[in-house]
N, C-alpha and C. Protein backbone atom coordinates (compact mmCIF):
# COMPACT_ATOMS: atom_id res chain seq x y z
N UNK A 1 0.71 -0.95 0.06
CA UNK A 1 -0.01 0.08 0.00
C UNK A 1 1.13 1.29 -0.40
N UNK A 2 0.47 2.38 -0.85
CA UNK A 2 1.55 3.39 -0.82
C UNK A 2 1.12 4.45 0.24
N UNK A 3 1.93 5.17 0.49
CA UNK A 3 1.77 6.28 1.44
C UNK A 3 0.39 7.19 1.51
N UNK A 4 0.14 7.50 0.01
CA UNK A 4 -1.09 8.15 -0.08
C UNK A 4 -2.49 7.77 0.09
N UNK A 5 -2.62 6.17 0.08
CA UNK A 5 -3.52 5.68 0.48
C UNK A 5 -4.09 5.13 2.00
N UNK A 6 -3.01 5.52 2.88
CA UNK A 6 -3.10 5.14 4.19
C UNK A 6 -3.99 6.17 4.94
N UNK A 7 -4.97 5.83 5.67
CA UNK A 7 -5.52 6.79 6.42
C UNK A 7 -4.67 7.39 7.52
N UNK A 8 -5.08 8.94 7.53
CA UNK A 8 -4.28 9.77 8.62
C UNK A 8 -4.88 9.49 10.13
N UNK A 9 -4.18 8.46 11.00
CA UNK A 9 -4.61 8.25 12.21
C UNK A 9 -4.88 9.32 13.18
N UNK A 10 -3.82 10.14 12.96
CA UNK A 10 -3.84 11.44 14.07
C UNK A 10 -5.19 12.04 13.86
N UNK A 11 -5.47 12.34 12.67
CA UNK A 11 -6.73 13.23 12.40
C UNK A 11 -7.98 12.47 12.95
N UNK A 12 -8.22 11.23 12.68
CA UNK A 12 -9.02 10.54 13.41
C UNK A 12 -9.23 10.60 14.67
N UNK A 13 -7.95 10.50 15.38
CA UNK A 13 -7.87 10.47 16.89
C UNK A 13 -8.21 11.84 17.39
N UNK A 14 -8.07 12.80 16.69
CA UNK A 14 -8.58 14.26 16.72
C UNK A 14 -9.94 14.45 17.02
N UNK A 15 -10.60 13.94 15.93
CA UNK A 15 -12.01 14.18 15.49
C UNK A 15 -12.71 13.13 16.60
N UNK A 16 -11.99 12.29 16.87
CA UNK A 16 -12.65 11.21 18.20
C UNK A 16 -12.71 11.84 19.46
N UNK A 17 -11.52 12.40 19.75
CA UNK A 17 -11.30 13.06 21.05
C UNK A 17 -12.18 14.48 21.23
N UNK A 18 -12.37 15.09 19.96
CA UNK A 18 -13.35 16.61 19.95
C UNK A 18 -14.68 15.82 20.49
N UNK A 19 -15.03 14.80 19.83
CA UNK A 19 -16.43 14.42 20.04
C UNK A 19 -16.74 14.14 21.21
N UNK A 20 -15.81 13.39 22.14
CA UNK A 20 -15.78 12.77 23.48
C UNK A 20 -15.76 13.78 24.16
N UNK A 21 -15.05 15.13 23.95
CA UNK A 21 -15.13 16.38 24.93
C UNK A 21 -16.16 16.94 24.80
N UNK A 22 -16.88 17.14 23.87
CA UNK A 22 -18.25 17.80 23.73
C UNK A 22 -19.29 17.37 24.51
N UNK A 23 -19.22 15.86 24.25
CA UNK A 23 -20.22 14.81 24.99
C UNK A 23 -19.97 15.20 26.56
N UNK A 24 -18.74 14.98 26.99
CA UNK A 24 -18.39 14.95 28.35
C UNK A 24 -18.86 16.43 29.06
N UNK A 25 -18.59 17.33 28.25
CA UNK A 25 -19.07 18.86 28.29
C UNK A 25 -20.37 18.87 28.74
N UNK A 26 -21.05 18.23 27.98
CA UNK A 26 -22.63 18.50 28.08
C UNK A 26 -23.03 17.58 29.30
N UNK A 27 -22.58 16.57 29.53
CA UNK A 27 -22.84 15.99 30.62
C UNK A 27 -22.39 16.54 32.02
N UNK A 28 -21.43 17.04 32.06
CA UNK A 28 -20.94 18.11 33.37
C UNK A 28 -22.00 19.06 33.30
N UNK A 29 -22.19 19.93 32.43
CA UNK A 29 -23.00 21.08 32.36
C UNK A 29 -24.57 20.91 32.95
N UNK A 30 -24.91 19.55 32.54
CA UNK A 30 -26.23 19.12 32.83
C UNK A 30 -26.31 18.73 34.31
N UNK A 31 -25.18 18.15 34.80
CA UNK A 31 -25.27 17.78 36.17
C UNK A 31 -25.04 19.05 37.13
N UNK A 32 -24.19 20.00 36.91
CA UNK A 32 -24.14 21.07 37.74
C UNK A 32 -25.15 21.99 37.71
N UNK A 33 -26.22 21.97 36.63
CA UNK A 33 -27.49 22.72 36.48
C UNK A 33 -28.32 22.24 37.41
N UNK A 34 -28.61 20.92 37.53
CA UNK A 34 -29.60 20.26 38.29
C UNK A 34 -29.08 20.13 39.85
N UNK A 35 -27.75 20.08 40.05
CA UNK A 35 -27.19 20.35 41.62
C UNK A 35 -27.62 21.62 41.85
N UNK A 36 -27.40 22.88 41.16
CA UNK A 36 -27.63 23.96 41.50
C UNK A 36 -29.18 24.39 41.86
N UNK A 37 -29.94 23.89 40.95
CA UNK A 37 -31.17 24.11 41.01
C UNK A 37 -31.86 23.39 42.10
N UNK A 38 -31.36 22.41 42.93
CA UNK A 38 -31.95 21.68 43.95
C UNK A 38 -31.42 22.44 45.12
N UNK A 39 -30.21 23.15 45.08
CA UNK A 39 -29.70 23.76 46.21
C UNK A 39 -30.43 25.36 46.31
N UNK A 40 -30.78 25.83 45.12
CA UNK A 40 -31.28 27.10 45.37
C UNK A 40 -32.87 27.29 45.93
N UNK A 41 -33.24 26.30 46.16
CA UNK A 41 -34.52 26.37 46.84
C UNK A 41 -34.97 27.00 47.91
N UNK A 42 -35.33 28.13 47.86
CA UNK A 42 -35.30 29.03 49.34
C UNK A 42 -36.44 28.33 50.43
N UNK A 43 -36.58 28.60 51.62
CA UNK A 43 -37.65 28.18 52.31
C UNK A 43 -38.94 29.41 52.15
N UNK A 44 -39.72 28.76 51.96
CA UNK A 44 -41.06 29.70 51.98
C UNK A 44 -41.84 29.99 53.18
N UNK A 45 -41.80 31.03 53.38
CA UNK A 45 -42.31 31.58 54.72
C UNK A 45 -43.47 32.46 54.40
N UNK A 46 -44.66 32.28 54.51
CA UNK A 46 -46.02 33.04 53.97
C UNK A 46 -46.33 33.75 55.18
N UNK A 47 -45.69 35.21 55.16
CA UNK A 47 -46.43 35.96 56.31
C UNK A 47 -47.06 36.88 56.00
N UNK A 48 -47.57 36.89 54.54
CA UNK A 48 -48.80 37.82 54.26
C UNK A 48 -49.77 37.09 54.74
N UNK A 49 -51.01 38.21 55.17
CA UNK A 49 -52.25 37.79 55.60
C UNK A 49 -53.45 38.19 54.82
N UNK A 50 -53.35 37.77 53.60
CA UNK A 50 -54.35 37.91 52.58
C UNK A 50 -54.98 36.71 52.29
N UNK A 51 -56.35 37.04 52.32
CA UNK A 51 -57.53 35.90 51.94
C UNK A 51 -57.51 35.64 50.33
N UNK A 52 -56.83 36.36 49.59
CA UNK A 52 -57.19 35.67 48.26
C UNK A 52 -57.72 36.76 47.29
N UNK A 53 -58.41 36.53 46.49
CA UNK A 53 -59.18 37.42 45.73
C UNK A 53 -60.30 38.01 46.57
N UNK A 54 -60.30 39.40 46.07
CA UNK A 54 -61.20 40.29 46.69
C UNK A 54 -61.79 41.08 45.50
N UNK A 55 -63.17 41.15 45.49
CA UNK A 55 -63.76 41.84 44.67
C UNK A 55 -64.58 43.13 45.15
N UNK A 56 -63.68 44.08 44.92
CA UNK A 56 -63.93 45.53 45.51
C UNK A 56 -64.79 46.21 44.55
N UNK A 57 -65.08 47.55 44.89
CA UNK A 57 -65.92 48.13 44.08
C UNK A 57 -65.38 48.77 42.72
N UNK A 58 -63.89 48.99 42.75
CA UNK A 58 -63.45 49.26 41.78
C UNK A 58 -63.35 48.07 40.70
N UNK A 59 -63.20 47.03 41.15
CA UNK A 59 -63.01 45.83 40.08
C UNK A 59 -64.79 45.48 39.66
N UNK A 60 -65.76 45.60 40.49
CA UNK A 60 -67.09 45.48 39.96
C UNK A 60 -67.43 46.75 38.82
N UNK A 61 -66.96 47.71 39.01
CA UNK A 61 -66.76 48.95 37.93
C UNK A 61 -66.30 48.36 36.44
N UNK A 62 -65.10 47.58 36.75
CA UNK A 62 -64.59 47.24 35.56
C UNK A 62 -65.26 46.22 34.99
N UNK A 63 -65.82 45.21 35.66
CA UNK A 63 -66.68 44.09 35.15
C UNK A 63 -67.61 44.56 34.31
N UNK A 64 -68.20 45.65 34.89
CA UNK A 64 -69.62 46.12 34.11
C UNK A 64 -69.24 47.02 32.90
N UNK A 65 -67.92 47.26 32.77
CA UNK A 65 -67.61 47.89 31.48
C UNK A 65 -67.09 46.76 30.55
N UNK A 66 -67.40 45.44 30.87
CA UNK A 66 -66.68 44.37 29.71
C UNK A 66 -68.00 43.89 29.16
């Protein structure tokens, strides 16, 4: 076999390494995002004393315009 017909092994290895690096980076980025999302959950303290929806006079006036 001549020198021209032999495949370039270093180029093939480079392309394989690039593919593996991209895949490893995607996995690492995905796992750190999940870990941060779980750690960022603050404690919920509901100190507001609202009772929810209140239909006041200005809201009734608005409904009449519809």
